[in-house]
Structure formats: C-alpha cells, structure tokens
Amino acid sequence: MSGASGATYFGQPALYGLMKKVELPEKDDRELKSSETAGELPTVGGLSTWIAVNAFGEVLAGLAAPLDNVFPSNLTPISRQEHESILLARTFAMECSLQHAKKKQKEKEKALQMQQIARQRAVHLMCRIYVGAVNYEVGEATVKTSFETFGPVRSVDMIYDINTGRHKGFAFVEFETPEAAHLACEDMQGATVGGRSVKVGRTSNMGMAEHFISQFAQEAARYNRIYVASVHENLSDDDIRAVFEAFGRVVSCSLVRDVSEPETHCGYGYIEFENPESMDEAVKAMDQYDLGGKMLRVCACVVPPSLQNITTSNNKDLKDEDKMKPAMMLSEMIKRTEALGRMLPDAEGSSAPMDTQQKAIAGPKGSAATEKSITSSSIEADAQNVTLSGQDQRNFLMNKLSRAPQTRVLVLRNMLKSDELDGEVEAEVTEECENYGKVTKVVIYQEKQSADENAEIIVKIFVQFSLPQEVQTAISALDKRWFNGNQISAQIYDQTAFDMKDYTG
C-alpha cells in the first residue's frame, strides 16, 4: 500500500479484491481532532470520518464501508503462505459441507428404506388371518382347501399340543395377496369347515399396521383396480378382459403368471378400469359369478399397484412365443369343441342343441345372465379366430368351460368269454361298430378278477370313435343287445384313462 499527500491508494488484489482510490480533502477550515480512544473513528470538524468520507463518494473499503470493517489505514497485503492457508481452509470447509450433505442424504435414504420395510411388513400382516374354533379332526390341508377359493394360500400354521399331539383348535392362514385375506374375513366368518363353524378375523398384532392401512386405502383409491380370484385355468387375459369390458373400458388386465411356467396363470389377477363407476359395477355384478364351474371372487384392491409385486403376461422378460401361448391354447380349445360337435351359434343367431349335461350352471348372481342365448350380433367367428364381447362373452365362456367333458370311447362287457377269443374278433368288432361311426381304435383287454390261478377272467372290448355323437349312437344300438347267447353291456369310458392305457375302470 502506497500513500500520497491527501490521498490513499489500494492497488493490491489480496483477500478482499482490488482496492479502489478514496479521495479526501487536502485541507479543511474546521479543526481536525483525533479520537484518543483506540478503535474509534477519527473526526473531522466534529463529524465522523464516515460522514466526511461519504460526502465525496461511496466508500468501498475501510471501517465505514458497509461490507468491510477494515480501516483503510490498517489494510496490508497478505503473504503467499497466508493465501495458501486460506485456500486450505476453504477446501476443508467444502469437504465438511460435502460430508454433511452426504450424511443427510444417507439419513434420508435410510429413513425411506425403513419406511418401505414398514410398509412391506404392514402388507405381510394384511395377508394373514386368524381362524379359530377349528375342528380337532381337521388338518392343515383341509383348512387350506377351504380358503383357496379367495386366492392362493401361502401357508397354514397350526399350533400343536406336545402332550396330545393334536392342534389347539386355531390356525393362521397367510395368503399371497391382502385382497384374498380381505375377502376371507368377510365371507368365512361363521362358515362350516370340517363340520364346525369357524371364527375368522385379523391377527392380534394388526394394530401395528393401522397407520399404513389407511395410507394404502388412499393410494389404492387413485386407481380403479379390482382383484379377481378363482379364475378357470383355461381362461386367458383376453378372455377375462372381454368379460369385464361389459362394465366399461378396461385399461389393463393381468393374470398373475407362474414363474416356472409362464404360459399358465395362478388363478387370480388384477383389472383396472377407466372410471370408478365401472369398477363398482363390476364388483357388484361379478362377485360369486359361476364361470366354468368355478365361482369368481371379486373385490376392489386394498393396496396400490406398487405393493402388488406380480409378474403378468405383459412382462418384458417373457419371450414372444410365451406371450402367445395362452391365446394359442384358447384357439386349440375352441377347435376341439367344434370338432366334438359343440358348435357356436350360426350367422342367423340359431344355436346348436345342447343336452342337459352341456348346459352351464350359473351362480346366484349370474343365473339370469346364463339363461340368455348367444346372439350373432356379438360373435364374429372364423376358422382361426373367435371374437366375443360383453355379456355374450361371459355366456360363451361359461358354456364352454362348464360342460362335462365328453369321451369318444365305449367299453363292451359280457360280449365274449376268454376262451372264445380268436384273431378275427377285432376285425369283427370294427366292422360292426363302423355302422355307427368311424372307428379309430379297438382294444381287447382280459381282466383277471383275483390272483387265484382259476380266477374268472372278464373280457373288455374298448372301441374309440372319431366323434362323441358316434359313441352315443353305438351305445343306443349295442347296449343290452344279445350276441352269441350273451347280453352285451355297452357304456362310455373315460377318455383320459383310455389314453393312459388304464383299462381297469
């Protein structure tokens, strides 16, 4: 810092930036007095230096400056060592600031992680229910079967008495989803399991999750999602979507897939509607609806989608061919039903006749819907594809899945004795049965009635036709017919047992 007569210059950059020149008057007619007290501002003519200085311009440095309390006369440039010390102090301050910020971030992440764990624990508690007053003769398998209609049961825990070896009359049932537990609590209270009415409720530690349950309800209300359980194994996502589209536009429909077998679903899934009115209507109309011999269970979702950790058919990890398997299975099933003579209604709206065993059995809420016929206005069918919608889709799927499986095999008993068999019997049976339809296979089976050497041997003749109607025609013609002094007994035979070469039935 260098000084001149009546002026002071600050030309060093130093710590506080470049100092500028401050002009002071060389001479004043007023008496100049200096303060005898150390640290006080000098006065000029009875006025403080701040007033005197600011009378000639803005003070940028010095004791009177607004941003700096360094008096200009005491300002000296800093050394290199001091400058390096200041840089080190600044670096240390920045490191401390970063460490503090990282610590705050870690604390925030830890709090978020703990909250997620608490939410998962709450969902886990929502999946568990208490079942009391259980019959002592009933085991875990019976309890599991009784509650599986609401959704997959993850586990059944029964407490056993060490002395008696029997359970203590209560169990804890854990479902895969909280919606299944919600349905079970509503419908199984007082239900009969093993000949005894059971008591169903929430577990005693459910109070720990009450705070999160209210949060889940608010979050789930943002989505118009419903839970559908007890879905027939032969139905696909598109089938369920077509059924529920009668109530409004469906945004998404996802049946939960088995991880080991992506082409099959686990019997339950989730459907999201565009508006809440459609969701409410679907829950009221489709809950306890008998579809293919299985009663659907439907309710609104009680947790948001983020807590429904599921794998759907729309999962990107699945291969394209795996995504198409459910649709291919449905197409093959439709082809088989057409081949068995269970034809869809024709273009004029007339339907093929069905006997009593082929009619669908409707549930309490769907009985009125099942009495309506499938009209041509909702069916667009060709050899490879069948498109249905709304109420007609529900009727079609129910009719398709509820029918008793038909067989193409009949068994003839008491037609021949074992000693009457020869090499021409098969050809003769084939020639006779060809009068009633196309014969694809004939099996002659001798069944010994006991291990005794002289035990009676019964001859069974199995005849497989190409169509089930041909079996009924052959039975009508051959049953109780006399052949070689014996009255023939002609009956249908299970197709699956015949295909597995089980002729003991």
Protein backbone atom coordinates (compact mmCIF):
# COMPACT_ATOMS: atom_id res chain seq x y z
CA MET A 1 0.00 0.00 0.00
CA SER A 2 1.38 3.38 -1.00
CA GLY A 3 0.17 6.78 0.14
CA ALA A 4 0.37 10.38 -1.26
CA SER A 5 -0.40 13.84 0.07
CA GLY A 6 -4.12 13.97 0.86
CA ALA A 7 -4.87 10.61 -0.87
CA THR A 8 -4.72 6.86 -0.20
CA TYR A 9 -4.41 4.08 -2.84
CA PHE A 10 -5.24 0.40 -2.58
CA GLY A 11 -3.77 -1.44 -5.52
CA GLN A 12 -3.27 -4.93 -4.13
CA PRO A 13 -5.81 -7.68 -5.05
CA ALA A 14 -5.24 -9.58 -1.74
CA LEU A 15 -8.14 -11.26 0.03
CA TYR A 16 -10.89 -8.69 -0.37
CA GLY A 17 -10.46 -7.88 -4.04
CA LEU A 18 -8.97 -4.85 -5.79
CA MET A 19 -8.99 -1.75 -3.57
CA LYS A 20 -10.03 1.50 -5.23
CA LYS A 21 -8.85 5.08 -4.60
CA VAL A 22 -10.71 7.14 -2.00
CA GLU A 23 -10.32 10.92 -2.31
CA LEU A 24 -10.14 13.07 0.88
CA PRO A 25 -9.91 16.85 1.05
CA GLU A 26 -6.35 18.17 1.47
CA LYS A 27 -7.40 20.94 3.81
CA ASP A 28 -10.44 21.78 5.92
CA ASP A 29 -11.12 25.10 7.69
CA ARG A 30 -12.64 23.15 10.54
CA GLU A 31 -10.46 21.86 13.35
CA LEU A 32 -9.26 18.31 12.90
CA LYS A 33 -9.46 16.27 16.05
CA SER A 34 -8.36 12.69 16.54
CA SER A 35 -10.03 10.38 18.96
CA GLU A 36 -7.86 9.35 21.84
CA THR A 37 -9.75 6.11 22.29
CA ALA A 38 -8.29 3.19 20.37
CA GLY A 39 -10.59 1.69 17.81
CA GLU A 40 -12.87 4.78 17.39
CA LEU A 41 -13.27 6.65 14.16
CA PRO A 42 -11.39 9.97 13.83
CA THR A 43 -13.45 13.12 13.47
CA VAL A 44 -13.14 15.99 11.03
CA GLY A 45 -14.58 19.24 12.28
CA GLY A 46 -16.68 17.39 14.87
CA LEU A 47 -18.07 14.99 12.26
CA SER A 48 -17.28 11.29 12.00
CA THR A 49 -14.98 10.09 9.25
CA TRP A 50 -17.84 8.05 7.70
CA ILE A 51 -19.86 11.20 7.11
CA ALA A 52 -16.86 13.14 5.90
CA VAL A 53 -15.73 10.42 3.51
CA ASN A 54 -19.19 9.71 2.08
CA ALA A 55 -19.58 13.37 1.33
CA PHE A 56 -17.06 12.92 -1.50
CA GLY A 57 -18.19 9.43 -2.80
CA GLU A 58 -19.05 5.85 -1.87
CA VAL A 59 -16.63 4.12 0.48
CA LEU A 60 -15.69 0.65 -0.85
CA ALA A 61 -13.19 -0.31 1.88
CA GLY A 62 -12.43 0.69 5.39
CA LEU A 63 -14.19 0.91 8.72
CA ALA A 64 -17.05 2.98 7.24
CA ALA A 65 -17.68 0.58 4.32
CA PRO A 66 -20.95 -1.37 4.54
CA LEU A 67 -19.35 -4.74 3.60
CA ASP A 68 -15.92 -4.40 5.15
CA ASN A 69 -14.90 -3.31 8.64
CA VAL A 70 -11.22 -2.98 7.81
CA PHE A 71 -9.97 0.53 8.27
CA PRO A 72 -8.06 1.63 5.11
CA SER A 73 -5.05 2.84 7.00
CA ASN A 74 -4.52 -0.62 8.56
CA LEU A 75 -5.00 -2.65 5.33
CA THR A 76 -1.91 -4.65 4.32
CA PRO A 77 -1.43 -7.27 1.57
CA ILE A 78 -1.40 -10.93 2.66
CA SER A 79 1.58 -13.19 2.13
CA ARG A 80 1.66 -16.28 -0.10
CA GLN A 81 1.74 -18.54 2.94
CA GLU A 82 -1.38 -16.84 4.33
CA HIS A 83 -3.07 -17.15 0.92
CA GLU A 84 -2.33 -20.89 0.82
CA SER A 85 -3.66 -21.25 4.36
CA ILE A 86 -6.87 -19.54 3.31
CA LEU A 87 -7.20 -21.91 0.30
CA LEU A 88 -6.66 -24.90 2.57
CA ALA A 89 -9.28 -23.60 4.96
CA ARG A 90 -11.71 -23.10 2.07
CA THR A 91 -11.04 -26.66 0.82
CA PHE A 92 -11.55 -28.05 4.31
CA ALA A 93 -14.85 -26.14 4.63
CA MET A 94 -16.04 -27.54 1.29
CA GLU A 95 -15.13 -31.09 2.35
CA CYS A 96 -17.01 -30.66 5.61
CA SER A 97 -20.01 -29.34 3.68
CA LEU A 98 -19.94 -32.32 1.30
CA GLN A 99 -19.63 -34.79 4.16
CA HIS A 100 -22.57 -33.16 5.90
CA ALA A 101 -24.62 -33.31 2.71
CA LYS A 102 -23.74 -36.99 2.20
CA LYS A 103 -24.67 -37.73 5.78
CA LYS A 104 -28.03 -36.04 5.32
CA GLN A 105 -28.60 -37.97 2.08
CA LYS A 106 -27.77 -41.27 3.76
CA GLU A 107 -30.10 -40.49 6.63
CA LYS A 108 -32.85 -39.66 4.15
CA GLU A 109 -32.28 -42.88 2.19
CA LYS A 110 -32.20 -44.91 5.39
CA ALA A 111 -35.46 -43.34 6.56
CA LEU A 112 -37.04 -44.10 3.18
CA GLN A 113 -35.77 -47.67 3.31
CA MET A 114 -37.12 -48.15 6.82
CA GLN A 115 -40.46 -46.77 5.66
CA GLN A 116 -40.52 -49.24 2.76
CA ILE A 117 -39.72 -52.09 5.15
CA ALA A 118 -42.50 -50.96 7.47
CA ARG A 119 -44.93 -50.83 4.52
CA GLN A 120 -43.93 -54.33 3.45
CA ARG A 121 -44.45 -55.58 6.99
CA ALA A 122 -47.88 -53.98 7.00
CA VAL A 123 -48.77 -55.78 3.75
CA HIS A 124 -47.50 -59.01 5.27
CA LEU A 125 -49.80 -58.53 8.26
CA MET A 126 -52.70 -57.76 5.94
CA CYS A 127 -52.16 -61.13 4.21
CA ARG A 128 -52.57 -63.08 7.48
CA ILE A 129 -55.84 -64.01 9.16
CA TYR A 130 -56.78 -65.89 12.30
CA VAL A 131 -59.06 -68.95 12.08
CA GLY A 132 -60.49 -70.18 15.39
CA ALA A 133 -62.85 -72.92 16.55
CA VAL A 134 -61.29 -75.40 14.12
CA ASN A 135 -62.40 -79.00 14.44
CA TYR A 136 -59.69 -81.11 16.08
CA GLU A 137 -60.07 -83.74 13.37
CA VAL A 138 -59.32 -81.20 10.65
CA GLY A 139 -55.76 -80.76 9.42
CA GLU A 140 -53.86 -78.04 7.62
CA ALA A 141 -54.73 -79.44 4.18
CA THR A 142 -58.46 -79.13 4.83
CA VAL A 143 -58.12 -75.57 6.09
CA LYS A 144 -56.02 -74.64 3.07
CA THR A 145 -58.56 -76.14 0.65
CA SER A 146 -61.41 -74.27 2.34
CA PHE A 147 -59.71 -70.87 1.90
CA GLU A 148 -58.11 -71.32 -1.53
CA THR A 149 -61.21 -70.05 -3.30
CA PHE A 150 -60.23 -66.49 -2.28
CA GLY A 151 -56.71 -66.76 -3.68
CA PRO A 152 -53.50 -68.79 -3.38
CA VAL A 153 -52.69 -69.73 0.21
CA ARG A 154 -49.02 -69.30 1.05
CA SER A 155 -49.05 -71.20 4.34
CA VAL A 156 -51.26 -72.58 7.12
CA ASP A 157 -49.77 -72.58 10.62
CA MET A 158 -51.43 -74.65 13.33
CA ILE A 159 -50.14 -74.82 16.90
CA TYR A 160 -49.93 -78.40 18.22
CA ASP A 161 -50.06 -79.63 21.78
CA ILE A 162 -46.93 -81.57 22.71
CA ASN A 163 -48.76 -83.89 25.09
CA THR A 164 -51.77 -84.82 22.97
CA GLY A 165 -50.24 -84.39 19.53
CA ARG A 166 -53.36 -82.54 18.33
CA HIS A 167 -53.62 -78.93 17.30
CA LYS A 168 -55.11 -76.40 19.70
CA GLY A 169 -58.14 -75.55 17.61
CA PHE A 170 -56.91 -72.48 15.76
CA ALA A 171 -54.72 -71.66 12.79
CA PHE A 172 -53.09 -68.75 10.98
CA VAL A 173 -53.69 -68.63 7.25
CA GLU A 174 -51.41 -66.50 5.09
CA PHE A 175 -52.46 -65.57 1.55
CA GLU A 176 -50.37 -64.34 -1.34
CA THR A 177 -52.37 -61.09 -1.55
CA PRO A 178 -54.05 -58.85 1.05
CA GLU A 179 -57.21 -58.78 -1.10
CA ALA A 180 -57.64 -62.54 -0.62
CA ALA A 181 -57.40 -62.12 3.16
CA HIS A 182 -59.92 -59.27 2.97
CA LEU A 183 -62.43 -61.47 1.12
CA ALA A 184 -61.87 -64.37 3.50
CA CYS A 185 -62.56 -62.20 6.56
CA GLU A 186 -65.82 -61.00 5.02
CA ASP A 187 -67.19 -64.34 3.80
CA MET A 188 -65.76 -67.07 6.05
CA GLN A 189 -66.99 -65.73 9.40
CA GLY A 190 -69.21 -68.50 10.75
CA ALA A 191 -68.65 -70.76 7.74
CA THR A 192 -68.55 -74.51 8.26
CA VAL A 193 -65.15 -76.18 7.92
CA GLY A 194 -64.94 -79.85 8.78
CA GLY A 195 -68.44 -79.89 10.28
CA ARG A 196 -67.84 -76.95 12.62
CA SER A 197 -68.41 -73.20 12.32
CA VAL A 198 -65.12 -71.32 12.39
CA LYS A 199 -64.29 -67.84 13.61
CA VAL A 200 -62.28 -65.69 11.22
CA GLY A 201 -60.61 -62.36 11.97
CA ARG A 202 -57.44 -60.36 11.86
CA THR A 203 -54.37 -61.22 13.90
CA SER A 204 -53.76 -59.53 17.26
CA ASN A 205 -50.78 -57.52 16.00
CA MET A 206 -52.82 -55.94 13.22
CA GLY A 207 -52.82 -52.64 15.14
CA MET A 208 -49.19 -52.13 14.11
CA ALA A 209 -50.34 -51.71 10.51
CA GLU A 210 -53.39 -49.49 11.05
CA HIS A 211 -51.49 -46.34 10.09
CA PHE A 212 -50.31 -47.86 6.82
CA ILE A 213 -53.68 -49.45 6.05
CA SER A 214 -55.28 -46.01 5.87
CA GLN A 215 -52.43 -44.84 3.65
CA PHE A 216 -52.85 -47.85 1.38
CA ALA A 217 -56.57 -47.17 1.07
CA GLN A 218 -55.93 -43.60 -0.04
CA GLU A 219 -53.28 -44.67 -2.52
CA ALA A 220 -55.39 -47.52 -3.91
CA ALA A 221 -58.33 -45.14 -4.42
CA ARG A 222 -56.32 -43.37 -7.12
CA TYR A 223 -56.51 -46.49 -9.27
CA ASN A 224 -59.74 -48.15 -10.39
CA ARG A 225 -58.34 -51.64 -9.87
CA ILE A 226 -60.16 -54.80 -8.83
CA TYR A 227 -58.92 -58.18 -7.67
CA VAL A 228 -60.28 -61.31 -9.38
CA ALA A 229 -59.68 -64.77 -7.91
CA SER A 230 -60.78 -68.35 -8.65
CA VAL A 231 -60.24 -67.93 -12.40
CA HIS A 232 -60.56 -71.06 -14.52
CA GLU A 233 -57.19 -72.42 -15.61
CA ASN A 234 -58.21 -72.49 -19.30
CA LEU A 235 -59.06 -68.79 -19.44
CA SER A 236 -56.54 -66.20 -20.63
CA ASP A 237 -56.06 -62.49 -20.06
CA ASP A 238 -58.02 -61.67 -23.21
CA ASP A 239 -60.96 -63.84 -22.08
CA ILE A 240 -61.22 -62.08 -18.73
CA ARG A 241 -60.81 -58.67 -20.37
CA ALA A 242 -63.65 -59.41 -22.78
CA VAL A 243 -65.91 -60.50 -19.91
CA PHE A 244 -65.32 -57.37 -17.82
CA GLU A 245 -65.44 -54.92 -20.72
CA ALA A 246 -69.23 -55.11 -20.47
CA PHE A 247 -68.99 -52.75 -17.47
CA GLY A 248 -66.71 -50.15 -19.06
CA ARG A 249 -63.38 -49.61 -20.74
CA VAL A 250 -60.64 -51.83 -19.30
CA VAL A 251 -57.25 -50.12 -19.10
CA SER A 252 -55.30 -53.25 -18.18
CA CYS A 253 -55.99 -56.89 -17.37
CA SER A 254 -53.19 -59.04 -15.95
CA LEU A 255 -53.47 -62.57 -14.62
CA VAL A 256 -50.59 -63.45 -12.32
CA ARG A 257 -48.26 -65.94 -14.00
CA ASP A 258 -46.39 -68.87 -12.59
CA VAL A 259 -42.69 -68.05 -12.72
CA SER A 260 -41.73 -71.62 -13.59
CA GLU A 261 -44.48 -71.95 -16.23
CA PRO A 262 -45.20 -68.53 -17.78
CA GLU A 263 -47.87 -69.96 -20.07
CA THR A 264 -50.12 -70.79 -17.10
CA HIS A 265 -51.63 -68.38 -14.59
CA CYS A 266 -52.09 -68.79 -10.84
CA GLY A 267 -55.87 -68.37 -10.83
CA TYR A 268 -56.02 -64.70 -9.89
CA GLY A 269 -55.20 -61.30 -11.33
CA TYR A 270 -55.95 -57.58 -11.45
CA ILE A 271 -58.15 -55.48 -13.73
CA GLU A 272 -58.02 -51.70 -13.98
CA PHE A 273 -60.97 -49.70 -15.33
CA GLU A 274 -61.03 -46.22 -16.79
CA ASN A 275 -63.54 -44.86 -14.26
CA PRO A 276 -64.63 -45.83 -10.72
CA GLU A 277 -68.27 -46.36 -11.69
CA SER A 278 -67.30 -49.28 -13.93
CA MET A 279 -65.19 -50.73 -11.15
CA ASP A 280 -68.03 -50.61 -8.61
CA GLU A 281 -70.49 -52.15 -11.06
CA ALA A 282 -68.08 -54.97 -11.93
CA VAL A 283 -67.51 -55.82 -8.26
CA LYS A 284 -71.25 -55.96 -7.53
CA ALA A 285 -72.15 -57.99 -10.61
CA MET A 286 -69.22 -60.43 -10.92
CA ASP A 287 -68.51 -61.39 -7.32
CA GLN A 288 -69.63 -65.02 -6.80
CA TYR A 289 -70.34 -65.37 -10.53
CA ASP A 290 -70.09 -69.01 -11.61
CA LEU A 291 -67.79 -69.16 -14.62
CA GLY A 292 -66.93 -72.63 -15.84
CA GLY A 293 -67.81 -74.34 -12.59
CA LYS A 294 -65.61 -72.01 -10.53
CA MET A 295 -67.12 -69.14 -8.58
CA LEU A 296 -65.30 -65.88 -9.23
CA ARG A 297 -64.32 -63.79 -6.21
CA VAL A 298 -64.06 -60.09 -6.96
CA CYS A 299 -63.29 -57.08 -4.75
CA ALA A 300 -61.67 -53.66 -5.00
CA CYS A 301 -57.92 -53.58 -4.42
CA VAL A 302 -56.88 -52.56 -0.90
CA VAL A 303 -53.24 -51.77 -1.71
CA PRO A 304 -51.73 -49.72 -4.57
CA PRO A 305 -50.06 -51.40 -7.58
CA SER A 306 -46.59 -50.59 -6.23
CA LEU A 307 -47.17 -53.13 -3.43
CA GLN A 308 -48.54 -55.79 -5.76
CA ASN A 309 -45.29 -57.45 -6.75
CA ILE A 310 -46.63 -59.57 -9.60
CA THR A 311 -45.48 -60.96 -12.93
CA THR A 312 -48.03 -60.61 -15.70
CA SER A 313 -48.29 -61.85 -19.24
CA ASN A 314 -47.13 -58.40 -20.36
CA ASN A 315 -43.76 -58.89 -18.65
CA LYS A 316 -40.98 -57.83 -20.99
CA ASP A 317 -38.81 -60.71 -19.78
CA LEU A 318 -41.12 -63.22 -21.44
CA LYS A 319 -40.35 -64.34 -24.95
CA ASP A 320 -42.77 -63.54 -27.76
CA GLU A 321 -43.71 -67.18 -28.19
CA ASP A 322 -44.50 -67.45 -24.47
CA LYS A 323 -46.81 -64.45 -24.68
CA MET A 324 -48.80 -66.13 -27.45
CA LYS A 325 -49.24 -69.48 -25.69
CA PRO A 326 -52.45 -68.57 -23.78
CA ALA A 327 -54.10 -67.37 -26.98
CA MET A 328 -52.96 -70.49 -28.84
CA MET A 329 -54.34 -72.71 -26.07
CA LEU A 330 -57.71 -70.97 -26.29
CA SER A 331 -57.74 -71.34 -30.07
CA GLU A 332 -56.96 -75.05 -29.81
CA MET A 333 -59.68 -75.48 -27.19
CA ILE A 334 -62.24 -73.81 -29.44
CA LYS A 335 -61.23 -76.08 -32.32
CA ARG A 336 -61.68 -79.16 -30.14
CA THR A 337 -65.13 -78.04 -29.03
CA GLU A 338 -66.12 -77.54 -32.65
CA ALA A 339 -64.75 -80.98 -33.55
CA LEU A 340 -66.79 -82.54 -30.75
CA GLY A 341 -69.97 -81.13 -32.20
CA ARG A 342 -70.44 -78.29 -29.75
CA MET A 343 -70.76 -75.66 -32.43
CA LEU A 344 -71.11 -71.94 -31.86
CA PRO A 345 -74.34 -70.16 -32.97
CA ASP A 346 -74.53 -69.66 -36.71
CA ALA A 347 -74.79 -66.34 -38.54
CA GLU A 348 -78.59 -66.23 -38.21
CA GLY A 349 -78.45 -66.39 -34.41
CA SER A 350 -79.61 -70.02 -34.06
CA SER A 351 -77.66 -72.18 -31.65
CA ALA A 352 -76.84 -75.87 -31.82
CA PRO A 353 -78.91 -78.03 -29.46
CA MET A 354 -77.30 -78.99 -26.18
CA ASP A 355 -78.39 -81.67 -23.79
CA THR A 356 -78.89 -81.11 -20.09
CA GLN A 357 -75.34 -82.09 -19.15
CA GLN A 358 -73.91 -79.47 -21.52
CA LYS A 359 -75.82 -76.53 -20.04
CA ALA A 360 -73.89 -74.12 -17.83
CA ILE A 361 -74.60 -73.91 -14.14
CA ALA A 362 -74.85 -70.28 -13.14
CA GLY A 363 -74.11 -68.81 -9.74
CA PRO A 364 -76.57 -66.80 -7.62
CA LYS A 365 -75.61 -63.53 -9.24
CA GLY A 366 -75.21 -64.84 -12.77
CA SER A 367 -78.24 -67.10 -13.17
CA ALA A 368 -80.22 -64.52 -15.10
CA ALA A 369 -77.32 -63.86 -17.43
CA THR A 370 -76.75 -67.52 -18.26
CA GLU A 371 -80.33 -68.02 -19.44
CA LYS A 372 -79.76 -65.63 -22.35
CA SER A 373 -78.66 -67.14 -25.64
CA ILE A 374 -75.60 -66.03 -27.53
CA THR A 375 -76.71 -63.91 -30.46
CA SER A 376 -74.91 -63.26 -33.70
CA SER A 377 -74.61 -59.53 -33.02
CA SER A 378 -71.76 -60.20 -30.59
CA ILE A 379 -69.99 -63.03 -32.43
CA GLU A 380 -67.52 -62.76 -35.28
CA ALA A 381 -66.14 -66.23 -35.85
CA ASP A 382 -63.99 -67.80 -38.49
CA ALA A 383 -61.85 -70.91 -38.71
CA GLN A 384 -58.94 -69.43 -36.73
CA ASN A 385 -60.40 -66.71 -34.52
CA VAL A 386 -63.42 -66.13 -32.32
CA THR A 387 -64.21 -62.62 -31.06
CA LEU A 388 -66.85 -62.11 -28.38
CA SER A 389 -67.62 -59.22 -26.06
CA GLY A 390 -69.61 -58.26 -23.02
CA GLN A 391 -72.49 -60.37 -21.76
CA ASP A 392 -72.28 -62.83 -24.67
CA GLN A 393 -68.61 -63.44 -23.91
CA ARG A 394 -69.47 -64.38 -20.32
CA ASN A 395 -72.18 -66.74 -21.52
CA PHE A 396 -69.93 -68.34 -24.12
CA LEU A 397 -67.03 -68.90 -21.73
CA MET A 398 -69.34 -70.31 -19.10
CA ASN A 399 -70.96 -72.70 -21.56
CA LYS A 400 -67.59 -73.72 -22.93
CA LEU A 401 -65.99 -74.42 -19.55
CA SER A 402 -68.96 -75.78 -17.62
CA ARG A 403 -69.77 -78.64 -19.97
CA ALA A 404 -68.94 -82.12 -18.83
CA PRO A 405 -66.02 -83.48 -20.84
CA GLN A 406 -67.21 -85.92 -23.49
CA THR A 407 -65.44 -89.09 -24.46
CA ARG A 408 -65.00 -90.90 -27.76
CA VAL A 409 -64.55 -94.33 -26.17
CA LEU A 410 -67.05 -97.02 -25.22
CA VAL A 411 -66.46 -100.34 -23.49
CA LEU A 412 -68.29 -103.56 -24.33
CA ARG A 413 -68.66 -106.09 -21.50
CA ASN A 414 -70.12 -109.59 -21.43
CA MET A 415 -69.79 -109.93 -25.20
CA LEU A 416 -67.36 -112.83 -25.29
CA LYS A 417 -65.74 -115.30 -22.92
CA SER A 418 -61.98 -115.59 -22.71
CA ASP A 419 -62.00 -118.97 -24.39
CA GLU A 420 -64.00 -117.58 -27.30
CA LEU A 421 -61.37 -115.08 -28.34
CA ASP A 422 -59.56 -115.52 -31.64
CA GLY A 423 -57.68 -113.47 -34.19
CA GLU A 424 -60.84 -112.34 -36.01
CA VAL A 425 -62.61 -110.72 -33.04
CA GLU A 426 -61.01 -107.32 -33.52
CA ALA A 427 -61.93 -107.18 -37.21
CA GLU A 428 -65.48 -108.31 -36.48
CA VAL A 429 -65.99 -105.70 -33.75
CA THR A 430 -64.55 -103.00 -36.01
CA GLU A 431 -66.85 -103.99 -38.87
CA GLU A 432 -69.93 -103.96 -36.61
CA CYS A 433 -69.13 -100.63 -34.98
CA GLU A 434 -68.38 -98.99 -38.33
CA ASN A 435 -72.15 -98.99 -38.80
CA TYR A 436 -72.42 -96.24 -36.16
CA GLY A 437 -69.38 -94.12 -36.96
CA LYS A 438 -65.71 -94.07 -37.86
CA VAL A 439 -63.72 -96.42 -35.62
CA THR A 440 -60.16 -95.24 -34.88
CA LYS A 441 -59.02 -97.93 -32.43
CA VAL A 442 -60.12 -101.26 -30.88
CA VAL A 443 -58.52 -102.73 -27.73
CA ILE A 444 -59.34 -106.20 -26.34
CA TYR A 445 -58.44 -106.49 -22.65
CA GLN A 446 -58.66 -109.55 -20.38
CA GLU A 447 -59.02 -108.71 -16.71
CA LYS A 448 -58.33 -111.38 -14.11
CA GLN A 449 -60.53 -110.89 -11.06
CA SER A 450 -58.06 -112.17 -8.47
CA ALA A 451 -54.60 -113.65 -8.03
CA ASP A 452 -56.05 -117.14 -7.88
CA GLU A 453 -54.95 -119.39 -10.72
CA ASN A 454 -58.53 -120.37 -11.51
CA ALA A 455 -59.96 -116.84 -11.08
CA GLU A 456 -62.57 -115.60 -13.51
CA ILE A 457 -61.38 -113.60 -16.48
CA ILE A 458 -63.58 -110.82 -17.84
CA VAL A 459 -63.15 -109.68 -21.43
CA LYS A 460 -63.48 -105.96 -22.11
CA ILE A 461 -63.57 -104.57 -25.63
CA PHE A 462 -62.77 -100.85 -25.95
CA VAL A 463 -63.84 -99.04 -29.13
CA GLN A 464 -62.75 -95.48 -29.88
CA PHE A 465 -64.73 -93.41 -32.38
CA SER A 466 -63.83 -90.13 -34.04
CA LEU A 467 -66.75 -88.14 -32.52
CA PRO A 468 -68.64 -88.34 -29.20
CA GLN A 469 -72.00 -88.43 -31.00
CA GLU A 470 -70.96 -91.71 -32.63
CA VAL A 471 -70.33 -93.18 -29.17
CA GLN A 472 -73.87 -92.33 -28.09
CA THR A 473 -75.27 -93.85 -31.29
CA ALA A 474 -73.30 -97.08 -30.80
CA ILE A 475 -74.34 -97.37 -27.14
CA SER A 476 -78.00 -96.95 -28.07
CA ALA A 477 -77.68 -99.74 -30.65
CA LEU A 478 -75.44 -102.20 -28.78
CA ASP A 479 -76.41 -101.89 -25.11
CA LYS A 480 -78.49 -104.91 -23.89
CA ARG A 481 -78.19 -106.50 -27.30
CA TRP A 482 -77.80 -110.27 -27.45
CA PHE A 483 -74.69 -111.71 -29.07
CA ASN A 484 -73.77 -115.38 -29.09
CA GLY A 485 -76.10 -116.03 -26.18
CA ASN A 486 -74.73 -113.15 -24.08
CA GLN A 487 -76.38 -109.82 -23.34
CA ILE A 488 -73.91 -107.02 -24.15
CA SER A 489 -73.31 -104.14 -21.75
CA ALA A 490 -72.19 -101.02 -23.66
CA GLN A 491 -71.07 -97.98 -21.63
CA ILE A 492 -68.97 -94.88 -22.15
CA TYR A 493 -65.39 -94.93 -20.88
CA ASP A 494 -63.20 -92.12 -19.60
CA GLN A 495 -61.11 -90.65 -22.40
CA THR A 496 -58.16 -89.77 -20.19
CA ALA A 497 -57.95 -93.26 -18.70
CA PHE A 498 -58.09 -94.78 -22.17
CA ASP A 499 -55.34 -92.51 -23.45
CA MET A 500 -53.19 -93.53 -20.48
CA LYS A 501 -53.89 -97.21 -21.23
CA ASP A 502 -55.74 -97.69 -17.99
CA TYR A 503 -58.32 -100.38 -18.81
CA THR A 504 -59.21 -101.35 -15.24
CA GLY A 505 -62.18 -99.00 -14.93
